[in-house]
Amino acid sequence: MRRGLLVCLPALSIVLAGAVSAQTQPSPANKSFMAAMESMHADKQKGMEPNSIRAWEKLMIAQRRGAIDMSETVLKESTDPTIRKMARKGMDEQRKGQKMLREWVSKRGG
């Protein structure tokens, strides 16, 4: 019994190592999510300014862009009708909010 267990342990450790490695490797969707978040955070940094209202407007525009990008990734990756419906709805809402903010900013000379 011990000998059989000793023979199986190295094989089991190889299988487990492969499973852990596969879990730590980002999927194409996760890479896309990370790129969207990095871009969103970079845009947020650009939006920082002394006027808190202007900063908020720019931060929210960047936040909405990130949400749109992530929803686009979900639409590419998922076939689940409920998820796709939520992603489309979210994109529509984010685009409307983004448009409203941009119009507000342009009216105020931003």
N, C-alpha and C. Protein backbone atom coordinates (compact mmCIF):
# COMPACT_ATOMS: atom_id res chain seq x y z
N MET A 1 0.82 -1.20 0.00
CA MET A 1 0.00 0.00 0.00
C MET A 1 0.86 1.25 0.00
N ARG A 2 1.89 1.27 0.89
CA ARG A 2 2.78 2.44 0.95
C ARG A 2 3.52 2.64 -0.36
N ARG A 3 3.99 1.54 -0.90
CA ARG A 3 4.75 1.65 -2.15
C ARG A 3 3.86 2.24 -3.26
N GLY A 4 2.63 1.78 -3.36
CA GLY A 4 1.70 2.29 -4.36
C GLY A 4 1.45 3.77 -4.15
N LEU A 5 1.33 4.18 -2.89
CA LEU A 5 1.11 5.58 -2.56
C LEU A 5 2.33 6.40 -2.94
N LEU A 6 3.52 5.89 -2.65
CA LEU A 6 4.75 6.61 -2.99
C LEU A 6 4.93 6.76 -4.49
N VAL A 7 4.49 5.78 -5.24
CA VAL A 7 4.58 5.85 -6.68
C VAL A 7 3.57 6.87 -7.22
N CYS A 8 2.40 6.93 -6.61
CA CYS A 8 1.35 7.84 -7.08
C CYS A 8 1.60 9.30 -6.71
N LEU A 9 2.27 9.55 -5.60
CA LEU A 9 2.45 10.93 -5.13
C LEU A 9 3.17 11.81 -6.14
N PRO A 10 4.27 11.39 -6.75
CA PRO A 10 4.90 12.26 -7.75
C PRO A 10 3.98 12.58 -8.93
N ALA A 11 3.23 11.58 -9.38
CA ALA A 11 2.31 11.82 -10.49
C ALA A 11 1.22 12.80 -10.06
N LEU A 12 0.70 12.62 -8.85
CA LEU A 12 -0.32 13.53 -8.34
C LEU A 12 0.21 14.95 -8.22
N SER A 13 1.44 15.09 -7.76
CA SER A 13 2.01 16.43 -7.63
C SER A 13 2.18 17.10 -8.99
N ILE A 14 2.49 16.33 -10.02
CA ILE A 14 2.61 16.89 -11.37
C ILE A 14 1.25 17.34 -11.87
N VAL A 15 0.22 16.53 -11.64
CA VAL A 15 -1.14 16.90 -12.06
C VAL A 15 -1.58 18.16 -11.33
N LEU A 16 -1.38 18.20 -10.01
CA LEU A 16 -1.78 19.38 -9.23
C LEU A 16 -1.00 20.62 -9.65
N ALA A 17 0.27 20.46 -9.92
CA ALA A 17 1.07 21.62 -10.37
C ALA A 17 0.53 22.14 -11.69
N GLY A 18 0.15 21.24 -12.58
CA GLY A 18 -0.43 21.67 -13.85
C GLY A 18 -1.75 22.38 -13.66
N ALA A 19 -2.56 21.90 -12.73
CA ALA A 19 -3.85 22.53 -12.46
C ALA A 19 -3.66 23.92 -11.87
N VAL A 20 -2.74 24.05 -10.94
CA VAL A 20 -2.47 25.36 -10.34
C VAL A 20 -1.91 26.30 -11.39
N SER A 21 -1.01 25.79 -12.22
CA SER A 21 -0.43 26.62 -13.28
C SER A 21 -1.50 27.10 -14.24
N ALA A 22 -2.43 26.22 -14.60
CA ALA A 22 -3.50 26.61 -15.52
C ALA A 22 -4.39 27.67 -14.89
N GLN A 23 -4.59 27.59 -13.58
CA GLN A 23 -5.44 28.57 -12.91
C GLN A 23 -4.76 29.93 -12.82
N THR A 24 -3.44 29.95 -12.76
CA THR A 24 -2.74 31.22 -12.61
C THR A 24 -2.45 31.88 -13.95
N GLN A 25 -2.63 31.17 -15.03
CA GLN A 25 -2.42 31.75 -16.35
C GLN A 25 -3.67 32.53 -16.75
N PRO A 26 -3.53 33.82 -17.03
CA PRO A 26 -4.72 34.59 -17.38
C PRO A 26 -5.30 34.15 -18.73
N SER A 27 -6.62 34.11 -18.77
CA SER A 27 -7.30 33.77 -20.02
C SER A 27 -7.25 34.99 -20.94
N PRO A 28 -7.55 34.82 -22.21
CA PRO A 28 -7.62 35.98 -23.11
C PRO A 28 -8.60 37.04 -22.60
N ALA A 29 -9.73 36.59 -22.04
CA ALA A 29 -10.70 37.55 -21.49
C ALA A 29 -10.10 38.31 -20.32
N ASN A 30 -9.41 37.60 -19.43
CA ASN A 30 -8.80 38.27 -18.28
C ASN A 30 -7.73 39.26 -18.71
N LYS A 31 -6.99 38.91 -19.75
CA LYS A 31 -6.01 39.85 -20.28
C LYS A 31 -6.70 41.10 -20.81
N SER A 32 -7.83 40.90 -21.46
CA SER A 32 -8.60 42.03 -21.98
C SER A 32 -9.15 42.88 -20.84
N PHE A 33 -9.65 42.22 -19.78
CA PHE A 33 -10.13 42.96 -18.61
C PHE A 33 -9.01 43.78 -17.99
N MET A 34 -7.84 43.17 -17.86
CA MET A 34 -6.70 43.88 -17.26
C MET A 34 -6.30 45.08 -18.11
N ALA A 35 -6.28 44.91 -19.42
CA ALA A 35 -5.94 46.02 -20.31
C ALA A 35 -6.96 47.15 -20.16
N ALA A 36 -8.24 46.80 -20.07
CA ALA A 36 -9.30 47.81 -19.90
C ALA A 36 -9.11 48.55 -18.58
N MET A 37 -8.80 47.81 -17.51
CA MET A 37 -8.61 48.45 -16.21
C MET A 37 -7.37 49.34 -16.20
N GLU A 38 -6.29 48.87 -16.82
CA GLU A 38 -5.07 49.68 -16.88
C GLU A 38 -5.31 50.97 -17.66
N SER A 39 -6.01 50.88 -18.76
CA SER A 39 -6.33 52.06 -19.56
C SER A 39 -7.22 53.01 -18.78
N MET A 40 -8.23 52.44 -18.09
CA MET A 40 -9.14 53.24 -17.29
C MET A 40 -8.38 53.97 -16.19
N HIS A 41 -7.49 53.28 -15.51
CA HIS A 41 -6.74 53.91 -14.43
C HIS A 41 -5.79 54.98 -14.95
N ALA A 42 -5.20 54.75 -16.11
CA ALA A 42 -4.33 55.77 -16.72
C ALA A 42 -5.14 57.02 -17.06
N ASP A 43 -6.34 56.83 -17.62
CA ASP A 43 -7.21 57.96 -17.95
C ASP A 43 -7.66 58.69 -16.68
N LYS A 44 -7.88 57.93 -15.62
CA LYS A 44 -8.27 58.56 -14.35
C LYS A 44 -7.13 59.43 -13.82
N GLN A 45 -5.92 58.94 -13.94
CA GLN A 45 -4.77 59.74 -13.49
C GLN A 45 -4.68 61.04 -14.26
N LYS A 46 -4.94 60.99 -15.55
CA LYS A 46 -4.92 62.21 -16.37
C LYS A 46 -6.02 63.18 -15.96
N GLY A 47 -7.11 62.63 -15.43
CA GLY A 47 -8.24 63.46 -15.04
C GLY A 47 -8.08 64.18 -13.71
N MET A 48 -7.07 63.83 -12.97
CA MET A 48 -6.89 64.45 -11.66
C MET A 48 -6.47 65.90 -11.82
N GLU A 49 -7.21 66.79 -11.19
CA GLU A 49 -6.88 68.21 -11.24
C GLU A 49 -7.44 68.87 -9.98
N PRO A 50 -7.00 70.09 -9.69
CA PRO A 50 -7.41 70.76 -8.44
C PRO A 50 -8.92 70.99 -8.32
N ASN A 51 -9.59 71.29 -9.42
CA ASN A 51 -11.02 71.51 -9.38
C ASN A 51 -11.72 70.16 -9.20
N SER A 52 -12.32 69.93 -8.03
CA SER A 52 -12.88 68.61 -7.72
C SER A 52 -14.03 68.24 -8.64
N ILE A 53 -14.81 69.22 -9.09
CA ILE A 53 -15.93 68.91 -9.99
C ILE A 53 -15.41 68.46 -11.34
N ARG A 54 -14.43 69.18 -11.88
CA ARG A 54 -13.83 68.79 -13.17
C ARG A 54 -13.17 67.41 -13.05
N ALA A 55 -12.47 67.21 -11.94
CA ALA A 55 -11.81 65.91 -11.74
C ALA A 55 -12.85 64.79 -11.72
N TRP A 56 -13.95 65.01 -11.00
CA TRP A 56 -15.00 63.99 -10.92
C TRP A 56 -15.57 63.69 -12.31
N GLU A 57 -15.83 64.73 -13.08
CA GLU A 57 -16.38 64.54 -14.43
C GLU A 57 -15.44 63.66 -15.27
N LYS A 58 -14.16 63.98 -15.24
CA LYS A 58 -13.19 63.23 -16.04
C LYS A 58 -13.01 61.80 -15.52
N LEU A 59 -13.04 61.65 -14.20
CA LEU A 59 -12.92 60.31 -13.62
C LEU A 59 -14.11 59.44 -14.00
N MET A 60 -15.29 60.03 -13.99
CA MET A 60 -16.48 59.26 -14.34
C MET A 60 -16.51 58.88 -15.82
N ILE A 61 -16.04 59.77 -16.67
CA ILE A 61 -15.95 59.44 -18.10
C ILE A 61 -15.01 58.25 -18.30
N ALA A 62 -13.87 58.27 -17.61
CA ALA A 62 -12.90 57.17 -17.71
C ALA A 62 -13.49 55.88 -17.13
N GLN A 63 -14.19 55.99 -16.01
CA GLN A 63 -14.81 54.82 -15.38
C GLN A 63 -15.82 54.18 -16.34
N ARG A 64 -16.61 54.99 -16.98
CA ARG A 64 -17.61 54.48 -17.92
C ARG A 64 -16.95 53.82 -19.12
N ARG A 65 -15.84 54.40 -19.61
CA ARG A 65 -15.12 53.80 -20.74
C ARG A 65 -14.62 52.41 -20.35
N GLY A 66 -14.10 52.28 -19.13
CA GLY A 66 -13.63 50.97 -18.67
C GLY A 66 -14.75 49.95 -18.61
N ALA A 67 -15.92 50.37 -18.12
CA ALA A 67 -17.07 49.47 -18.05
C ALA A 67 -17.51 49.04 -19.45
N ILE A 68 -17.47 49.96 -20.39
CA ILE A 68 -17.84 49.63 -21.78
C ILE A 68 -16.86 48.61 -22.36
N ASP A 69 -15.57 48.86 -22.15
CA ASP A 69 -14.55 47.93 -22.67
C ASP A 69 -14.72 46.53 -22.08
N MET A 70 -14.99 46.45 -20.78
CA MET A 70 -15.15 45.14 -20.15
C MET A 70 -16.42 44.44 -20.64
N SER A 71 -17.47 45.21 -20.87
CA SER A 71 -18.70 44.61 -21.41
C SER A 71 -18.48 44.10 -22.82
N GLU A 72 -17.69 44.80 -23.61
CA GLU A 72 -17.38 44.33 -24.97
C GLU A 72 -16.66 42.99 -24.91
N THR A 73 -15.78 42.84 -23.94
CA THR A 73 -15.07 41.56 -23.78
C THR A 73 -16.06 40.45 -23.45
N VAL A 74 -16.99 40.72 -22.54
CA VAL A 74 -17.99 39.72 -22.17
C VAL A 74 -18.80 39.31 -23.40
N LEU A 75 -19.17 40.27 -24.23
CA LEU A 75 -19.95 39.95 -25.43
C LEU A 75 -19.16 39.06 -26.39
N LYS A 76 -17.85 39.22 -26.42
CA LYS A 76 -17.02 38.37 -27.28
C LYS A 76 -16.89 36.96 -26.71
N GLU A 77 -16.90 36.86 -25.37
CA GLU A 77 -16.59 35.60 -24.71
C GLU A 77 -17.80 34.75 -24.33
N SER A 78 -18.92 35.38 -24.04
CA SER A 78 -20.05 34.64 -23.48
C SER A 78 -21.14 34.37 -24.50
N THR A 79 -21.73 33.19 -24.37
CA THR A 79 -22.92 32.86 -25.16
C THR A 79 -24.16 32.86 -24.27
N ASP A 80 -23.98 33.09 -22.98
CA ASP A 80 -25.10 33.09 -22.04
C ASP A 80 -26.02 34.27 -22.34
N PRO A 81 -27.28 34.02 -22.67
CA PRO A 81 -28.17 35.11 -23.07
C PRO A 81 -28.40 36.16 -21.98
N THR A 82 -28.45 35.72 -20.73
CA THR A 82 -28.68 36.67 -19.64
C THR A 82 -27.47 37.58 -19.45
N ILE A 83 -26.29 37.00 -19.48
CA ILE A 83 -25.06 37.80 -19.33
C ILE A 83 -24.94 38.77 -20.49
N ARG A 84 -25.21 38.30 -21.69
CA ARG A 84 -25.11 39.16 -22.88
C ARG A 84 -26.11 40.32 -22.80
N LYS A 85 -27.32 40.03 -22.32
CA LYS A 85 -28.33 41.07 -22.16
C LYS A 85 -27.87 42.11 -21.14
N MET A 86 -27.31 41.65 -20.02
CA MET A 86 -26.83 42.58 -19.00
C MET A 86 -25.67 43.42 -19.52
N ALA A 87 -24.78 42.78 -20.28
CA ALA A 87 -23.63 43.51 -20.82
C ALA A 87 -24.08 44.58 -21.81
N ARG A 88 -25.01 44.23 -22.68
CA ARG A 88 -25.53 45.21 -23.65
C ARG A 88 -26.24 46.37 -22.93
N LYS A 89 -27.07 46.03 -21.95
CA LYS A 89 -27.77 47.06 -21.20
C LYS A 89 -26.78 47.97 -20.48
N GLY A 90 -25.78 47.36 -19.87
CA GLY A 90 -24.75 48.15 -19.19
C GLY A 90 -24.01 49.07 -20.14
N MET A 91 -23.68 48.56 -21.31
CA MET A 91 -22.99 49.39 -22.31
C MET A 91 -23.85 50.57 -22.73
N ASP A 92 -25.13 50.31 -22.97
CA ASP A 92 -26.04 51.40 -23.37
C ASP A 92 -26.10 52.47 -22.28
N GLU A 93 -26.25 52.04 -21.04
CA GLU A 93 -26.33 52.99 -19.92
C GLU A 93 -25.03 53.77 -19.76
N GLN A 94 -23.91 53.07 -19.90
CA GLN A 94 -22.61 53.74 -19.74
C GLN A 94 -22.39 54.75 -20.86
N ARG A 95 -22.77 54.38 -22.08
CA ARG A 95 -22.60 55.31 -23.20
C ARG A 95 -23.47 56.55 -23.03
N LYS A 96 -24.71 56.37 -22.57
CA LYS A 96 -25.58 57.52 -22.32
C LYS A 96 -24.99 58.42 -21.25
N GLY A 97 -24.53 57.82 -20.17
CA GLY A 97 -23.93 58.60 -19.09
C GLY A 97 -22.67 59.32 -19.54
N GLN A 98 -21.87 58.64 -20.34
CA GLN A 98 -20.63 59.23 -20.86
C GLN A 98 -20.96 60.42 -21.77
N LYS A 99 -21.95 60.26 -22.62
CA LYS A 99 -22.36 61.34 -23.52
C LYS A 99 -22.85 62.55 -22.72
N MET A 100 -23.67 62.28 -21.71
CA MET A 100 -24.19 63.36 -20.87
C MET A 100 -23.05 64.12 -20.18
N LEU A 101 -22.10 63.39 -19.65
CA LEU A 101 -20.96 64.02 -18.98
C LEU A 101 -20.12 64.84 -19.96
N ARG A 102 -19.85 64.27 -21.14
CA ARG A 102 -19.06 65.01 -22.14
C ARG A 102 -19.76 66.30 -22.57
N GLU A 103 -21.07 66.23 -22.77
CA GLU A 103 -21.82 67.44 -23.14
C GLU A 103 -21.75 68.47 -22.00
N TRP A 104 -21.90 68.02 -20.78
CA TRP A 104 -21.83 68.91 -19.62
C TRP A 104 -20.45 69.58 -19.54
N VAL A 105 -19.41 68.79 -19.73
CA VAL A 105 -18.05 69.32 -19.67
C VAL A 105 -17.82 70.34 -20.79
N SER A 106 -18.27 70.02 -22.00
CA SER A 106 -18.05 70.95 -23.11
C SER A 106 -18.82 72.25 -22.94
N LYS A 107 -20.01 72.20 -22.34
CA LYS A 107 -20.79 73.41 -22.07
C LYS A 107 -20.10 74.32 -21.04
N ARG A 108 -19.30 73.67 -20.19
CA ARG A 108 -18.64 74.42 -19.13
C ARG A 108 -17.20 74.78 -19.50
N GLY A 109 -16.85 74.59 -20.75
CA GLY A 109 -15.52 74.98 -21.22
C GLY A 109 -14.42 73.99 -20.90
N GLY A 110 -14.78 72.73 -20.69
CA GLY A 110 -13.77 71.73 -20.32
C GLY A 110 -13.19 70.98 -21.46
